[in-house]
Amino acid sequence: MNRGIGLALLVGGVVLLIFGIQASNSFSSDVSRTFTGSPTDKSVWMIVTGAVLAVAGLFTSFRGGTPV
């Protein structure tokens, strides 16, 4: 059960990372980077959330537990 949840978190994190990286290369992010020096908040939050979910998924999937 925990392994399935961990894998789902890992997949969700990787998907968010991919979308966040693509969003950081978008036109609106380029405009934001021109004026503020950083990409849009949406792309940053997707990258950060994706990284946290991926790490949590890895930890949950590979943590040693007692089988039920």
N, C-alpha and C. Protein backbone atom coordinates (compact mmCIF):
# COMPACT_ATOMS: atom_id res chain seq x y z
N MET A 1 0.82 -1.19 0.00
CA MET A 1 0.00 0.00 0.00
C MET A 1 0.87 1.25 0.00
N ASN A 2 1.86 1.30 0.90
CA ASN A 2 2.74 2.46 0.95
C ASN A 2 3.56 2.61 -0.32
N ARG A 3 3.93 1.48 -0.90
CA ARG A 3 4.73 1.54 -2.12
C ARG A 3 3.93 2.15 -3.27
N GLY A 4 2.64 1.82 -3.36
CA GLY A 4 1.78 2.39 -4.39
C GLY A 4 1.60 3.89 -4.20
N ILE A 5 1.40 4.31 -2.97
CA ILE A 5 1.27 5.75 -2.68
C ILE A 5 2.58 6.46 -3.01
N GLY A 6 3.69 5.85 -2.65
CA GLY A 6 4.99 6.45 -2.94
C GLY A 6 5.24 6.59 -4.43
N LEU A 7 4.88 5.57 -5.19
CA LEU A 7 5.06 5.64 -6.64
C LEU A 7 4.15 6.70 -7.26
N ALA A 8 2.92 6.83 -6.72
CA ALA A 8 2.01 7.86 -7.22
C ALA A 8 2.57 9.26 -6.92
N LEU A 9 3.13 9.45 -5.73
CA LEU A 9 3.75 10.73 -5.38
C LEU A 9 4.95 11.01 -6.29
N LEU A 10 5.74 9.98 -6.55
CA LEU A 10 6.90 10.14 -7.42
C LEU A 10 6.49 10.53 -8.83
N VAL A 11 5.50 9.85 -9.38
CA VAL A 11 5.04 10.16 -10.74
C VAL A 11 4.45 11.57 -10.78
N GLY A 12 3.63 11.92 -9.79
CA GLY A 12 3.06 13.26 -9.73
C GLY A 12 4.13 14.33 -9.62
N GLY A 13 5.16 14.06 -8.83
CA GLY A 13 6.26 15.01 -8.70
C GLY A 13 7.03 15.20 -9.99
N VAL A 14 7.28 14.12 -10.70
CA VAL A 14 7.99 14.21 -11.97
C VAL A 14 7.16 14.98 -13.00
N VAL A 15 5.85 14.72 -13.01
CA VAL A 15 4.97 15.44 -13.95
C VAL A 15 4.98 16.93 -13.64
N LEU A 16 4.87 17.29 -12.36
CA LEU A 16 4.92 18.70 -11.99
C LEU A 16 6.27 19.34 -12.33
N LEU A 17 7.34 18.60 -12.14
CA LEU A 17 8.66 19.12 -12.52
C LEU A 17 8.73 19.40 -14.02
N ILE A 18 8.22 18.49 -14.81
CA ILE A 18 8.24 18.68 -16.27
C ILE A 18 7.42 19.90 -16.67
N PHE A 19 6.19 20.00 -16.11
CA PHE A 19 5.35 21.16 -16.45
C PHE A 19 5.97 22.45 -15.94
N GLY A 20 6.60 22.42 -14.77
CA GLY A 20 7.23 23.62 -14.23
C GLY A 20 8.41 24.08 -15.06
N ILE A 21 9.20 23.15 -15.53
CA ILE A 21 10.34 23.50 -16.37
C ILE A 21 9.86 24.05 -17.71
N GLN A 22 8.80 23.44 -18.27
CA GLN A 22 8.25 23.97 -19.51
C GLN A 22 7.65 25.36 -19.30
N ALA A 23 7.00 25.58 -18.17
CA ALA A 23 6.42 26.89 -17.88
C ALA A 23 7.50 27.95 -17.65
N SER A 24 8.64 27.54 -17.13
CA SER A 24 9.71 28.52 -16.90
C SER A 24 10.37 28.94 -18.21
N ASN A 25 10.15 28.18 -19.28
CA ASN A 25 10.68 28.54 -20.59
C ASN A 25 9.63 29.21 -21.48
N SER A 26 8.47 29.55 -20.92
CA SER A 26 7.39 30.14 -21.72
C SER A 26 7.63 31.64 -21.94
N PHE A 27 6.81 32.21 -22.81
CA PHE A 27 6.93 33.63 -23.14
C PHE A 27 6.64 34.50 -21.92
N SER A 28 5.58 34.17 -21.17
CA SER A 28 5.24 34.98 -20.00
C SER A 28 6.33 34.92 -18.94
N SER A 29 6.97 33.79 -18.81
CA SER A 29 8.06 33.67 -17.87
C SER A 29 9.27 34.47 -18.34
N ASP A 30 9.49 34.52 -19.66
CA ASP A 30 10.58 35.35 -20.19
C ASP A 30 10.33 36.83 -19.93
N VAL A 31 9.08 37.26 -20.09
CA VAL A 31 8.73 38.66 -19.81
C VAL A 31 8.93 38.96 -18.32
N SER A 32 8.47 38.06 -17.46
CA SER A 32 8.64 38.24 -16.02
C SER A 32 10.12 38.28 -15.65
N ARG A 33 10.91 37.41 -16.28
CA ARG A 33 12.35 37.37 -16.00
C ARG A 33 13.03 38.66 -16.44
N THR A 34 12.53 39.29 -17.52
CA THR A 34 13.10 40.54 -18.02
C THR A 34 12.91 41.66 -17.00
N PHE A 35 11.72 41.73 -16.40
CA PHE A 35 11.42 42.83 -15.49
C PHE A 35 11.79 42.56 -14.04
N THR A 36 11.66 41.32 -13.59
CA THR A 36 11.91 41.03 -12.17
C THR A 36 13.18 40.23 -11.92
N GLY A 37 13.70 39.60 -12.95
CA GLY A 37 14.90 38.78 -12.79
C GLY A 37 14.60 37.34 -12.41
N SER A 38 13.33 36.99 -12.27
CA SER A 38 12.98 35.61 -11.95
C SER A 38 11.77 35.19 -12.77
N PRO A 39 11.59 33.88 -12.98
CA PRO A 39 10.44 33.42 -13.75
C PRO A 39 9.14 33.63 -12.97
N THR A 40 8.01 33.31 -13.58
CA THR A 40 6.71 33.51 -12.94
C THR A 40 6.59 32.65 -11.68
N ASP A 41 5.75 33.11 -10.77
CA ASP A 41 5.54 32.38 -9.52
C ASP A 41 4.96 30.99 -9.76
N LYS A 42 4.09 30.89 -10.76
CA LYS A 42 3.46 29.61 -11.07
C LYS A 42 4.50 28.55 -11.42
N SER A 43 5.45 28.91 -12.26
CA SER A 43 6.47 27.94 -12.67
C SER A 43 7.38 27.58 -11.50
N VAL A 44 7.70 28.56 -10.67
CA VAL A 44 8.55 28.28 -9.51
C VAL A 44 7.83 27.34 -8.54
N TRP A 45 6.55 27.59 -8.27
CA TRP A 45 5.80 26.73 -7.36
C TRP A 45 5.64 25.32 -7.92
N MET A 46 5.46 25.19 -9.22
CA MET A 46 5.36 23.85 -9.80
C MET A 46 6.67 23.09 -9.66
N ILE A 47 7.79 23.77 -9.87
CA ILE A 47 9.09 23.10 -9.75
C ILE A 47 9.35 22.70 -8.30
N VAL A 48 9.09 23.60 -7.36
CA VAL A 48 9.33 23.30 -5.94
C VAL A 48 8.42 22.18 -5.46
N THR A 49 7.13 22.27 -5.79
CA THR A 49 6.19 21.24 -5.37
C THR A 49 6.52 19.89 -6.00
N GLY A 50 6.91 19.91 -7.27
CA GLY A 50 7.29 18.67 -7.94
C GLY A 50 8.51 18.03 -7.30
N ALA A 51 9.48 18.84 -6.92
CA ALA A 51 10.68 18.30 -6.28
C ALA A 51 10.34 17.70 -4.91
N VAL A 52 9.50 18.39 -4.14
CA VAL A 52 9.12 17.88 -2.82
C VAL A 52 8.33 16.57 -2.95
N LEU A 53 7.38 16.53 -3.89
CA LEU A 53 6.60 15.31 -4.09
C LEU A 53 7.48 14.16 -4.57
N ALA A 54 8.43 14.44 -5.45
CA ALA A 54 9.31 13.38 -5.95
C ALA A 54 10.17 12.81 -4.83
N VAL A 55 10.70 13.67 -3.98
CA VAL A 55 11.52 13.20 -2.85
C VAL A 55 10.66 12.41 -1.87
N ALA A 56 9.46 12.92 -1.58
CA ALA A 56 8.56 12.19 -0.68
C ALA A 56 8.17 10.84 -1.28
N GLY A 57 7.95 10.80 -2.57
CA GLY A 57 7.62 9.55 -3.24
C GLY A 57 8.76 8.55 -3.18
N LEU A 58 9.97 9.02 -3.40
CA LEU A 58 11.13 8.13 -3.31
C LEU A 58 11.29 7.60 -1.89
N PHE A 59 11.15 8.49 -0.91
CA PHE A 59 11.30 8.08 0.49
C PHE A 59 10.23 7.05 0.86
N THR A 60 9.00 7.31 0.46
CA THR A 60 7.89 6.40 0.80
C THR A 60 8.02 5.07 0.06
N SER A 61 8.47 5.10 -1.18
CA SER A 61 8.56 3.86 -1.95
C SER A 61 9.66 2.93 -1.47
N PHE A 62 10.79 3.50 -1.10
CA PHE A 62 11.94 2.66 -0.79
C PHE A 62 12.23 2.51 0.69
N ARG A 63 11.37 3.04 1.52
CA ARG A 63 11.55 2.91 2.95
C ARG A 63 11.20 1.48 3.34
N GLY A 64 11.99 0.93 4.21
CA GLY A 64 11.74 -0.44 4.63
C GLY A 64 10.63 -0.49 5.67
N GLY A 65 9.62 -1.22 5.40
CA GLY A 65 8.50 -1.37 6.33
C GLY A 65 8.10 -2.82 6.43
N THR A 66 7.24 -3.08 7.37
CA THR A 66 6.76 -4.44 7.50
C THR A 66 5.61 -4.67 6.53
N PRO A 67 5.64 -5.74 5.77
CA PRO A 67 4.54 -6.01 4.86
C PRO A 67 3.28 -6.38 5.62
N VAL A 68 2.16 -6.00 5.06
CA VAL A 68 0.88 -6.28 5.74
C VAL A 68 0.26 -7.52 5.17
